[in-house]
Protein backbone atom coordinates (compact mmCIF):
# COMPACT_ATOMS: atom_id res chain seq x y z
CA MET A 1 0.00 0.00 0.00
CA VAL A 2 1.16 3.52 -0.80
CA ASP A 3 1.35 5.79 2.23
CA ILE A 4 -1.03 8.76 1.89
CA GLN A 5 -0.23 11.53 4.34
CA GLN A 6 -2.86 13.92 5.64
CA ARG A 7 -2.64 17.72 5.96
CA VAL A 8 0.98 18.13 4.85
CA ASP A 9 2.92 21.39 4.93
CA LEU A 10 4.42 22.02 1.46
CA THR A 11 6.12 25.32 2.26
CA ALA A 12 9.54 23.67 2.05
CA ALA A 13 8.53 21.73 -1.06
CA ASN A 14 8.56 24.80 -3.32
CA THR A 15 11.65 26.91 -3.89
CA LEU A 16 9.74 30.19 -3.47
CA ARG A 17 8.77 29.01 0.03
CA LEU A 18 5.17 30.08 -0.48
CA PRO A 19 3.04 28.80 2.42
CA CYS A 20 0.92 25.86 1.29
CA HIS A 21 -0.79 22.84 2.84
CA ALA A 22 -1.92 19.74 0.97
CA GLU A 23 -5.05 17.95 2.09
CA ARG A 24 -3.32 14.70 1.12
CA LEU A 25 0.13 13.79 -0.20
CA ALA A 26 1.42 10.64 -1.88
CA VAL A 27 5.02 9.97 -2.95
CA PRO A 28 4.90 6.85 -5.16
CA ARG A 29 8.34 5.31 -5.73
CA THR A 30 7.38 2.76 -8.39
CA LEU A 31 5.22 2.86 -11.49
CA GLY A 32 2.80 0.39 -9.90
CA ASP A 33 2.45 2.57 -6.82
CA LEU A 34 1.78 5.61 -9.00
CA GLN A 35 -0.96 3.80 -10.90
CA THR A 36 -2.48 2.66 -7.59
CA VAL A 37 -2.58 6.24 -6.29
CA LEU A 38 -4.17 7.50 -9.50
CA ARG A 39 -6.84 4.79 -9.42
CA LEU A 40 -7.69 5.70 -5.83
CA ALA A 41 -7.83 9.42 -6.60
CA VAL A 42 -10.08 8.87 -9.61
CA SER A 43 -12.40 6.55 -7.67
CA GLN A 44 -12.66 9.05 -4.79
CA ARG A 45 -12.97 11.99 -7.20
CA TRP A 46 -10.08 13.78 -5.53
CA PRO A 47 -8.56 16.65 -7.50
CA ILE A 48 -4.98 15.65 -8.42
CA THR A 49 -2.06 18.07 -8.27
CA LEU A 50 1.32 16.95 -9.61
CA LEU A 51 4.40 18.35 -7.90
CA GLY A 52 8.02 17.65 -8.71
CA GLY A 53 10.94 19.58 -7.29
CA GLY A 54 8.77 22.65 -6.74
CA SER A 55 11.20 24.95 -8.55
CA ASN A 56 8.87 26.43 -11.15
CA VAL A 57 5.45 26.59 -9.51
CA LEU A 58 3.36 29.12 -7.60
CA LEU A 59 1.46 27.25 -4.90
CA PRO A 60 -1.78 28.45 -3.25
CA PRO A 61 -2.34 28.37 0.53
CA LEU A 62 -4.35 25.14 0.28
CA LEU A 63 -4.36 22.25 -2.19
CA ASP A 64 -7.38 20.03 -1.70
CA GLY A 65 -7.71 16.51 -3.07
CA ILE A 66 -4.30 14.86 -3.33
CA VAL A 67 -0.82 16.06 -4.25
CA VAL A 68 1.24 13.42 -6.07
CA ARG A 69 5.05 13.69 -6.11
CA PRO A 70 6.41 10.88 -8.33
CA ALA A 71 9.73 9.61 -6.94
CA LEU A 72 10.76 7.28 -9.78
CA GLN A 73 14.54 7.38 -9.34
CA GLN A 74 15.95 4.84 -11.81
CA TRP A 75 18.00 5.74 -14.90
CA TRP A 76 20.15 3.73 -17.28
CA LEU A 77 21.98 3.90 -20.61
CA GLU A 78 21.63 2.00 -23.88
CA SER A 79 24.57 2.44 -26.27
CA GLN A 80 23.96 2.61 -30.02
CA GLY A 81 27.43 3.18 -31.42
CA ASP A 82 28.44 6.78 -30.82
CA GLU A 83 24.91 7.59 -29.70
CA VAL A 84 23.49 6.75 -26.29
CA LEU A 85 19.87 6.55 -25.22
CA VAL A 86 19.36 7.60 -21.62
CA TYR A 87 16.18 6.43 -19.90
CA VAL A 88 15.48 8.41 -16.75
CA GLY A 89 12.69 8.31 -14.19
CA ALA A 90 10.58 11.38 -13.47
CA GLY A 91 11.85 11.71 -9.91
CA VAL A 92 15.55 12.02 -10.76
CA ASN A 93 17.15 15.38 -9.97
CA TRP A 94 17.84 17.11 -13.29
CA HIS A 95 21.13 18.78 -12.39
CA SER A 96 22.54 15.59 -10.86
CA LEU A 97 21.70 13.75 -14.08
CA VAL A 98 23.38 16.43 -16.23
CA MET A 99 26.60 16.31 -14.23
CA ALA A 100 26.70 12.49 -14.13
CA LEU A 101 26.27 12.19 -17.90
CA ALA A 102 28.74 15.00 -18.62
CA ALA A 103 31.29 13.22 -16.43
CA GLN A 104 30.86 10.16 -18.67
CA GLY A 105 31.77 12.25 -21.72
CA LEU A 106 28.26 12.38 -23.17
CA TRP A 107 27.21 15.47 -25.15
CA GLY A 108 23.78 17.03 -25.41
CA ILE A 109 22.54 18.45 -22.09
CA GLU A 110 25.70 19.97 -20.60
CA ASN A 111 24.38 23.51 -21.29
CA LEU A 112 21.38 22.73 -19.10
CA ALA A 113 23.40 22.32 -15.90
CA LEU A 114 22.14 23.78 -12.63
CA ILE A 115 18.53 24.03 -13.78
CA PRO A 116 16.63 23.05 -10.62
CA GLY A 117 13.84 20.51 -10.42
CA HIS A 118 13.09 16.92 -11.34
CA CYS A 119 13.35 15.30 -14.76
CA GLY A 120 9.59 14.75 -14.96
CA ALA A 121 9.02 18.51 -15.04
CA ALA A 122 11.60 19.17 -17.77
CA PRO A 123 9.30 18.48 -20.75
CA VAL A 124 6.44 20.53 -19.28
CA GLN A 125 8.44 23.76 -19.67
CA ASN A 126 10.71 22.51 -22.46
CA ILE A 127 13.55 23.73 -20.26
CA GLY A 128 16.33 25.60 -21.98
CA ALA A 129 19.51 27.57 -21.33
CA TYR A 130 22.61 28.79 -23.16
CA GLY A 131 21.33 27.99 -26.62
CA VAL A 132 19.99 24.48 -25.90
CA GLU A 133 16.44 23.28 -25.24
CA LEU A 134 15.27 19.90 -23.99
CA LYS A 135 13.51 19.21 -27.30
CA ASP A 136 16.93 19.19 -29.02
CA VAL A 137 17.84 15.89 -27.33
CA LEU A 138 14.51 14.38 -26.31
CA GLN A 139 13.62 11.08 -27.95
CA GLY A 140 10.33 10.54 -26.15
CA VAL A 141 8.27 10.93 -22.97
CA GLN A 142 6.54 8.07 -21.20
CA VAL A 143 3.26 8.99 -19.51
CA VAL A 144 0.47 7.28 -17.61
CA ASP A 145 -3.09 8.29 -18.41
CA VAL A 146 -4.81 9.53 -15.26
CA ALA A 147 -8.29 8.29 -16.16
CA SER A 148 -7.39 4.83 -17.45
CA GLY A 149 -4.00 4.10 -15.87
CA ASN A 150 -2.64 3.12 -19.29
CA LEU A 151 1.04 3.68 -20.04
CA TYR A 152 2.27 5.00 -23.40
CA TRP A 153 5.03 7.01 -25.10
CA LEU A 154 4.89 10.37 -26.87
CA ASN A 155 7.50 11.26 -29.46
CA THR A 156 9.02 14.73 -29.72
CA ALA A 157 6.50 15.96 -32.30
CA GLU A 158 3.58 14.79 -30.17
CA CYS A 159 4.93 16.83 -27.25
CA GLU A 160 4.22 20.02 -29.28
CA PHE A 161 7.18 21.89 -27.85
CA GLY A 162 7.44 25.66 -28.01
CA TYR A 163 9.31 28.32 -26.07
CA ARG A 164 8.76 27.23 -22.44
CA ASP A 165 5.68 25.42 -23.66
CA SER A 166 4.43 21.92 -24.44
CA VAL A 167 1.33 19.78 -24.82
CA PHE A 168 1.62 19.05 -21.08
CA LYS A 169 0.64 22.66 -20.32
CA ASN A 170 -2.20 22.59 -22.84
CA ALA A 171 -4.14 19.63 -24.28
CA LEU A 172 -2.73 17.07 -21.82
CA ALA A 173 -2.70 19.28 -18.72
CA GLY A 174 -4.09 17.26 -15.82
CA LYS A 175 -4.70 14.22 -18.05
CA VAL A 176 -1.33 12.45 -17.86
CA VAL A 177 1.56 11.99 -15.45
CA ILE A 178 5.08 11.95 -16.88
CA THR A 179 6.92 8.86 -15.67
CA GLN A 180 10.08 8.60 -17.78
CA LEU A 181 12.17 10.44 -20.39
CA ALA A 182 14.31 9.07 -23.20
CA LEU A 183 17.21 11.33 -24.15
CA ARG A 184 19.48 10.85 -27.17
CA LEU A 185 23.03 11.91 -26.35
CA SER A 186 26.31 11.43 -28.22
CA ARG A 187 29.92 10.52 -27.55
CA ARG A 188 30.97 12.72 -30.48
CA PRO A 189 32.17 16.19 -29.42
CA ALA A 190 29.44 18.74 -30.15
CA PRO A 191 29.95 21.83 -27.96
CA LYS A 192 27.44 24.66 -28.33
CA LEU A 193 29.25 27.71 -27.02
CA HIS A 194 27.74 30.59 -28.99
CA TYR A 195 25.57 31.89 -26.14
CA GLY A 196 26.96 34.80 -24.10
CA ASP A 197 30.55 34.52 -22.95
CA LEU A 198 30.50 30.75 -22.57
CA ALA A 199 33.19 30.20 -25.22
CA LEU A 200 35.53 32.69 -23.53
CA ARG A 201 35.58 30.56 -20.37
CA LEU A 202 36.59 27.35 -22.12
CA PRO A 203 39.45 25.84 -24.13
CA VAL A 204 39.09 25.25 -27.85
CA LEU A 205 38.14 21.60 -27.36
CA PRO A 206 36.34 21.39 -24.00
CA SER A 207 34.85 18.28 -22.47
CA PRO A 208 31.10 18.18 -21.75
CA LEU A 209 31.96 18.29 -18.04
CA ALA A 210 34.01 21.47 -18.56
CA VAL A 211 31.06 23.06 -20.37
CA ALA A 212 28.66 22.05 -17.60
CA GLU A 213 30.98 23.44 -14.94
CA ALA A 214 31.35 26.73 -16.85
CA VAL A 215 27.57 27.02 -17.10
CA CYS A 216 27.32 26.43 -13.34
CA GLU A 217 29.84 29.22 -12.69
CA ILE A 218 27.88 31.67 -14.84
CA ARG A 219 24.54 30.77 -13.29
CA GLN A 220 25.88 30.90 -9.73
CA ALA A 221 27.31 34.37 -10.38
CA LYS A 222 23.96 35.67 -11.66
CA LEU A 223 21.26 33.74 -9.83
CA PRO A 224 20.55 33.44 -6.10
CA ASP A 225 20.69 29.99 -4.52
CA PRO A 226 17.08 29.09 -3.59
CA GLU A 227 18.43 27.35 -0.48
CA VAL A 228 19.71 30.74 0.70
CA LEU A 229 17.17 33.18 -0.80
CA ALA A 230 13.82 31.75 -1.89
CA ASN A 231 13.13 32.14 -5.61
CA ALA A 232 11.86 30.25 -8.67
CA GLY A 233 14.61 31.26 -11.08
CA SER A 234 13.53 33.33 -14.06
CA PHE A 235 10.07 34.64 -13.23
CA PHE A 236 9.24 36.10 -16.67
CA LYS A 237 9.60 34.69 -20.17
CA ASN A 238 11.62 36.64 -22.71
CA PRO A 239 8.82 38.28 -24.75
CA LEU A 240 8.31 37.82 -28.48
CA VAL A 241 7.42 41.03 -30.32
CA SER A 242 6.99 41.97 -33.97
CA GLN A 243 10.00 43.11 -35.96
CA ALA A 244 8.27 46.46 -36.53
CA HIS A 245 7.85 46.99 -32.79
CA THR A 246 11.48 46.00 -32.24
CA GLU A 247 12.67 48.56 -34.76
CA ARG A 248 10.62 51.29 -33.10
CA LEU A 249 12.17 50.46 -29.73
CA LEU A 250 15.68 50.35 -31.20
CA GLN A 251 15.31 53.93 -32.38
CA GLN A 252 14.94 54.96 -28.74
CA TYR A 253 17.14 52.23 -27.18
CA PRO A 254 19.90 51.37 -29.70
CA ALA A 255 21.66 49.06 -27.21
CA MET A 256 18.53 46.99 -26.49
CA PRO A 257 19.30 43.24 -26.68
CA HIS A 258 17.16 41.57 -29.33
CA PHE A 259 17.28 38.21 -31.05
CA PRO A 260 15.61 37.64 -34.46
CA GLN A 261 13.15 34.73 -34.55
CA PRO A 262 11.38 32.93 -37.42
CA GLY A 263 8.23 34.48 -38.83
CA GLY A 264 9.22 38.12 -38.49
CA TRP A 265 9.45 38.14 -34.69
CA SER A 266 12.14 39.20 -32.24
CA LYS A 267 12.84 37.93 -28.74
CA LEU A 268 13.63 40.64 -26.20
CA ALA A 269 15.44 40.21 -22.89
CA ALA A 270 12.85 40.52 -20.13
CA GLY A 271 15.52 41.17 -17.52
CA TRP A 272 16.90 44.10 -19.52
CA LEU A 273 13.42 45.62 -19.88
CA ILE A 274 12.79 45.35 -16.14
CA ASP A 275 16.21 46.80 -15.36
CA GLN A 276 15.63 49.76 -17.68
CA CYS A 277 12.47 50.56 -15.75
CA GLY A 278 14.59 51.00 -12.63
CA LEU A 279 13.06 48.00 -10.87
CA LYS A 280 16.18 45.93 -10.18
CA GLY A 281 16.65 45.64 -6.42
CA MET A 282 13.22 47.02 -5.53
CA ARG A 283 11.33 45.50 -2.60
CA GLU A 284 7.64 45.44 -1.77
CA GLY A 285 6.98 43.84 1.60
CA ALA A 286 8.12 40.21 1.65
CA PHE A 287 9.10 40.13 -2.03
CA GLY A 288 11.55 41.90 -4.29
CA VAL A 289 13.46 41.97 -7.56
CA HIS A 290 16.90 40.43 -7.16
CA ALA A 291 19.67 43.02 -6.95
CA HIS A 292 21.88 41.25 -9.51
CA GLN A 293 19.32 39.73 -11.89
CA ALA A 294 16.11 41.61 -12.63
CA LEU A 295 14.50 38.48 -14.07
CA VAL A 296 14.39 36.83 -10.64
CA LEU A 297 11.80 37.62 -7.98
CA VAL A 298 12.83 36.68 -4.45
CA HIS A 299 10.94 35.95 -1.23
CA PHE A 300 12.48 37.31 1.96
CA GLY A 301 10.01 35.43 4.13
CA GLY A 302 6.57 35.95 5.60
CA GLY A 303 4.74 36.47 2.30
CA ASP A 304 2.15 34.54 0.32
CA ARG A 305 1.20 34.08 -3.32
CA ALA A 306 -1.07 37.13 -3.35
CA GLY A 307 1.81 39.36 -2.30
CA LEU A 308 4.11 37.86 -4.92
CA MET A 309 1.56 38.35 -7.68
CA ALA A 310 0.99 41.97 -6.63
CA LEU A 311 4.69 42.63 -7.22
CA ALA A 312 4.65 40.69 -10.51
CA ASP A 313 1.62 42.67 -11.73
CA CYS A 314 3.37 45.93 -10.86
CA ILE A 315 6.37 44.89 -12.96
CA VAL A 316 4.17 43.84 -15.88
CA GLN A 317 2.30 47.14 -15.86
CA THR A 318 5.50 49.18 -15.61
CA VAL A 319 7.17 47.39 -18.54
CA ARG A 320 3.98 47.71 -20.58
CA ALA A 321 3.85 51.44 -19.93
CA HIS A 322 7.52 51.98 -20.81
CA PHE A 323 7.93 49.67 -23.78
CA GLY A 324 4.49 48.54 -24.94
CA VAL A 325 5.64 44.97 -24.30
CA GLU A 326 3.65 42.36 -22.38
CA LEU A 327 5.55 40.14 -19.96
CA GLU A 328 4.31 36.64 -19.15
CA SER A 329 5.12 34.70 -15.98
CA GLU A 330 7.21 31.57 -16.45
CA PRO A 331 6.36 29.59 -13.28
CA ARG A 332 3.12 27.61 -13.41
CA MET A 333 0.22 28.85 -11.32
CA ILE A 334 -1.13 25.79 -9.48
């Protein structure tokens, strides 16, 4: 039998440390246990909330029904010549996986080092950093259907990946639980060092471990450790705007970072926009904008989700007024 805990404090289970209690909590450690929990929840008509590492979610004060935190920890490799398929359970820590595979000389996810959270959450956001996205290496995602308990695989196309987006946030939201990923990595050197100053920190022919360690150094210099100062990493997505709007802004702000995208769009740097509005380092009650990275909202303690969203709304309105650009939150509102 799977242990189902009652009235559980989840404040420490989310990196923003937002106060939250779950009416019930289950932490299934095997696929069979997960299917058992889902069958029980469906039969009892309990609302189901999925929670991984809690690094990219905004929790409410109370979650009724049952919170399910899959703890499927197994992962293994299957070699196919120079290519390697990595099968990894949803409960594996993402950063630990990246460093372990990089240490084995495998290329593909080294740029995604130090992204917090569990592997099961990685496809939901299509996590990305330093010029690499999960979809670039993902072979497939195994899921269990909540209603039927059936297990099946989705290929990359079926995941409908976009910028910090996927089918798991849209058509399949609340309908499936991710149980396993299949990643296709390579033993052939394939460094991607074009983002920022990454190349300047590395030798001409770096190892994947050297790249991962350089990424960690950059991230640690810019981003606060959630164990020290509560945060959810980047709080806003980098906005996509029309090329015409970009050109109008460049006339006034020639140094504005902008990155051309397909279809006549440009991606702007949300952190730069917030910084230009003079909001970096500001504090409103229990929450504030990080002093070194305007993209990160931090929780000093004693606040709740309402207070956080009041600050976020203030930032959105200020950027809209200054630039005519709409910012969108990156963490998921549970």
